[in-house]
Amino acid sequence: MRTKHLGFFSIDPFAKPFDKPVDEPLNIVLMDEVKDQFLVEGNGAGKLNVDNFRRSVQDALQKTFSKNFKTINFSEQKPEKGLVLVLYRVKPYWKLGALASDVINTAGVPVSVSSSSYSIVFQFDTSLYRNNKKINSADYQSVSNEMTEGRYSQRVFQDGLRVACETLNKMIFTDTIVESF
């Protein structure tokens, strides 16, 4: 199976709106473990060569949080003051989701045929700080809603990032956190 390529892409994650937009700027830092280029390999899902990933993640986070924050800034270093979301790790991998098998009759001879479907899992490790004090964190895995047998791996990867951003938003910006704004 040949290696597929996925460069910069844009998605539209859903974010439940807060009662009112937050005036305090949200500063987002992607640490070095959020790689820009990598190869996602796995069993029958094939290989997917991803590049410009950091830009895709920034775009996805901008779209996720812009519904609730008036100002979003990205920086290389964690600011000491203000509201700061730090993504320490974003690591995708293929996960076997379903196995299917069937017997077909070919020229009178029964032949067993099987196929596997894969989803993409995103491991995220992130913390939210206010004035350098940690107020929330999440270390979790989210799974794409879509699955692939290898043919549509790019679309499944994009869906996985969408689900990851939506999950990150729900886990970090809980009702208690939002009420503190």
Protein backbone atom coordinates (compact mmCIF):
# COMPACT_ATOMS: atom_id res chain seq x y z
CA MET A 1 0.00 0.00 0.00
CA ARG A 2 1.49 3.34 -1.00
CA THR A 3 2.02 6.21 1.40
CA LYS A 4 -0.61 8.94 1.21
CA HIS A 5 0.09 12.61 1.84
CA LEU A 6 -1.83 15.19 3.85
CA GLY A 7 -0.66 18.80 3.99
CA PHE A 8 -2.35 21.79 5.57
CA PHE A 9 -6.10 21.36 5.97
CA SER A 10 -8.93 23.34 7.51
CA ILE A 11 -11.83 21.93 9.52
CA ASP A 12 -14.82 23.44 11.34
CA PRO A 13 -15.11 22.09 14.88
CA PHE A 14 -18.27 22.77 16.86
CA ALA A 15 -18.02 24.73 20.10
CA LYS A 16 -20.98 25.34 22.36
CA PRO A 17 -21.25 29.12 22.78
CA PHE A 18 -20.68 30.66 26.21
CA ASP A 19 -23.35 33.01 27.53
CA LYS A 20 -21.18 35.91 26.40
CA PRO A 21 -17.85 36.16 24.56
CA VAL A 22 -14.81 36.38 26.82
CA ASP A 23 -12.89 39.68 26.72
CA GLU A 24 -9.73 38.19 28.26
CA PRO A 25 -7.39 37.06 25.44
CA LEU A 26 -6.71 33.33 25.13
CA ASN A 27 -3.02 32.61 24.51
CA ILE A 28 -2.28 29.21 22.98
CA VAL A 29 1.14 27.56 23.01
CA LEU A 30 1.98 24.46 20.99
CA MET A 31 5.00 22.82 22.61
CA ASP A 32 7.72 21.01 20.65
CA GLU A 33 6.03 17.61 21.07
CA VAL A 34 3.30 18.83 18.70
CA LYS A 35 5.24 17.79 15.61
CA ASP A 36 4.84 19.57 12.29
CA GLN A 37 5.70 16.58 10.10
CA PHE A 38 5.34 12.87 10.84
CA LEU A 39 4.29 9.52 9.45
CA VAL A 40 1.20 7.77 10.84
CA GLU A 41 1.55 4.04 10.29
CA GLY A 42 -0.58 1.17 11.38
CA ASN A 43 -1.52 -2.27 10.28
CA GLY A 44 -3.94 -2.24 7.36
CA ALA A 45 -4.76 1.47 7.58
CA GLY A 46 -1.65 2.22 5.56
CA LYS A 47 0.80 5.07 5.89
CA LEU A 48 -0.13 8.72 5.99
CA ASN A 49 2.63 11.32 5.66
CA VAL A 50 1.42 14.47 7.43
CA ASP A 51 3.06 17.88 7.13
CA ASN A 52 2.08 21.43 8.10
CA PHE A 53 0.30 19.82 11.04
CA ARG A 54 1.03 22.63 13.50
CA ARG A 55 -0.58 25.12 11.11
CA SER A 56 -3.62 22.82 10.74
CA VAL A 57 -3.90 22.50 14.54
CA GLN A 58 -3.61 26.28 14.99
CA ASP A 59 -6.31 26.88 12.39
CA ALA A 60 -8.59 24.28 14.03
CA LEU A 61 -8.08 25.74 17.51
CA GLN A 62 -8.66 29.27 16.20
CA LYS A 63 -11.98 28.16 14.73
CA THR A 64 -12.94 26.25 17.88
CA PHE A 65 -12.24 29.02 20.35
CA SER A 66 -13.07 32.11 18.24
CA LYS A 67 -16.74 31.48 18.92
CA ASN A 68 -16.17 32.26 22.61
CA PHE A 69 -13.03 34.40 22.86
CA LYS A 70 -12.73 37.84 21.29
CA THR A 71 -8.92 37.54 21.02
CA ILE A 72 -6.80 34.44 20.41
CA ASN A 73 -3.01 34.61 20.25
CA PHE A 74 -0.51 31.89 19.40
CA SER A 75 2.99 32.02 20.79
CA GLU A 76 6.11 29.86 21.01
CA GLN A 77 6.66 30.53 24.74
CA LYS A 78 4.22 30.30 27.64
CA PRO A 79 3.34 33.82 28.83
CA GLU A 80 3.52 34.39 32.60
CA LYS A 81 0.36 36.53 32.67
CA GLY A 82 -3.16 36.02 31.36
CA LEU A 83 -5.13 32.99 30.21
CA VAL A 84 -2.85 30.41 28.57
CA LEU A 85 -3.71 27.07 26.99
CA VAL A 86 -0.62 24.87 26.57
CA LEU A 87 -0.72 21.82 24.32
CA TYR A 88 2.14 19.61 25.42
CA ARG A 89 1.40 16.72 23.09
CA VAL A 90 -0.86 15.92 20.15
CA LYS A 91 -0.12 12.43 18.86
CA PRO A 92 -2.28 10.57 16.33
CA TYR A 93 -2.30 6.83 15.65
CA TRP A 94 -4.51 4.34 13.80
CA LYS A 95 -6.80 2.08 15.82
CA LEU A 96 -8.47 -1.09 14.60
CA GLY A 97 -12.19 -0.47 14.83
CA ALA A 98 -14.03 -3.32 13.10
CA LEU A 99 -13.34 -6.62 11.44
CA ALA A 100 -15.67 -8.05 8.84
CA SER A 101 -15.49 -11.35 7.03
CA ASP A 102 -17.63 -13.06 4.46
CA VAL A 103 -17.55 -16.10 2.24
CA ILE A 104 -18.15 -15.55 -1.45
CA ASN A 105 -18.55 -18.12 -4.18
CA THR A 106 -16.02 -17.72 -6.97
CA ALA A 107 -16.49 -20.18 -9.85
CA GLY A 108 -18.09 -22.63 -7.46
CA VAL A 109 -15.27 -22.35 -4.95
CA PRO A 110 -16.00 -20.70 -1.58
CA VAL A 111 -13.47 -18.00 -0.78
CA SER A 112 -13.19 -16.27 2.58
CA VAL A 113 -12.85 -12.47 2.34
CA SER A 114 -12.13 -10.21 5.29
CA SER A 115 -11.67 -6.50 5.77
CA SER A 116 -10.70 -4.19 8.61
CA SER A 117 -11.79 -0.67 9.38
CA TYR A 118 -9.65 1.84 11.24
CA SER A 119 -10.28 5.05 13.11
CA ILE A 120 -7.71 7.64 14.12
CA VAL A 121 -7.01 8.33 17.77
CA PHE A 122 -5.57 11.65 18.94
CA GLN A 123 -3.74 11.69 22.27
CA PHE A 124 -3.80 15.18 23.77
CA ASP A 125 -2.02 16.44 26.86
CA THR A 126 -2.94 20.03 27.70
CA SER A 127 -3.23 22.48 30.59
CA LEU A 128 -5.01 25.79 31.09
CA TYR A 129 -3.28 28.48 33.17
CA ARG A 130 -4.35 31.86 34.49
CA ASN A 131 -1.47 34.09 35.55
CA ASN A 132 0.87 31.09 35.63
CA LYS A 133 -1.43 29.04 37.93
CA LYS A 134 -2.87 25.82 36.51
CA ILE A 135 -6.67 25.94 36.61
CA ASN A 136 -7.49 22.86 34.51
CA SER A 137 -5.83 20.09 32.54
CA ALA A 138 -6.70 17.18 30.30
CA ASP A 139 -4.72 14.13 29.24
CA TYR A 140 -7.01 12.10 27.02
CA GLN A 141 -7.63 10.26 23.79
CA SER A 142 -10.33 11.12 21.30
CA VAL A 143 -11.43 8.87 18.44
CA SER A 144 -12.64 9.93 15.00
CA ASN A 145 -16.27 9.35 14.16
CA GLU A 146 -15.34 8.21 10.66
CA MET A 147 -13.49 5.02 9.80
CA THR A 148 -11.42 3.86 6.84
CA GLU A 149 -10.22 0.68 5.23
CA GLY A 150 -7.22 2.68 4.03
CA ARG A 151 -8.72 4.45 1.02
CA TYR A 152 -9.95 7.61 2.77
CA SER A 153 -7.31 7.99 5.46
CA GLN A 154 -6.92 11.75 4.90
CA ARG A 155 -10.63 12.40 5.51
CA VAL A 156 -10.61 10.21 8.64
CA PHE A 157 -7.52 12.02 9.94
CA GLN A 158 -9.24 15.40 9.47
CA ASP A 159 -12.35 14.10 11.24
CA GLY A 160 -10.14 12.92 14.09
CA LEU A 161 -8.67 16.39 14.59
CA ARG A 162 -12.18 17.90 14.50
CA VAL A 163 -13.35 15.50 17.23
CA ALA A 164 -10.17 16.17 19.25
CA CYS A 165 -10.74 19.96 19.17
CA GLU A 166 -14.37 19.58 20.18
CA THR A 167 -13.41 17.24 23.03
CA LEU A 168 -10.59 19.51 24.18
CA ASN A 169 -13.01 22.46 24.30
CA LYS A 170 -15.50 20.48 26.45
CA MET A 171 -12.84 19.11 28.82
CA ILE A 172 -10.88 22.32 29.39
CA PHE A 173 -13.65 24.91 29.35
CA THR A 174 -15.99 23.28 31.85
CA ASP A 175 -18.95 25.17 33.31
CA THR A 176 -16.90 25.96 36.43
CA ILE A 177 -14.06 27.44 34.36
CA VAL A 178 -16.43 29.41 32.13
CA GLU A 179 -18.24 30.85 35.18
CA SER A 180 -14.91 32.25 36.40
CA PHE A 181 -14.58 34.54 33.35
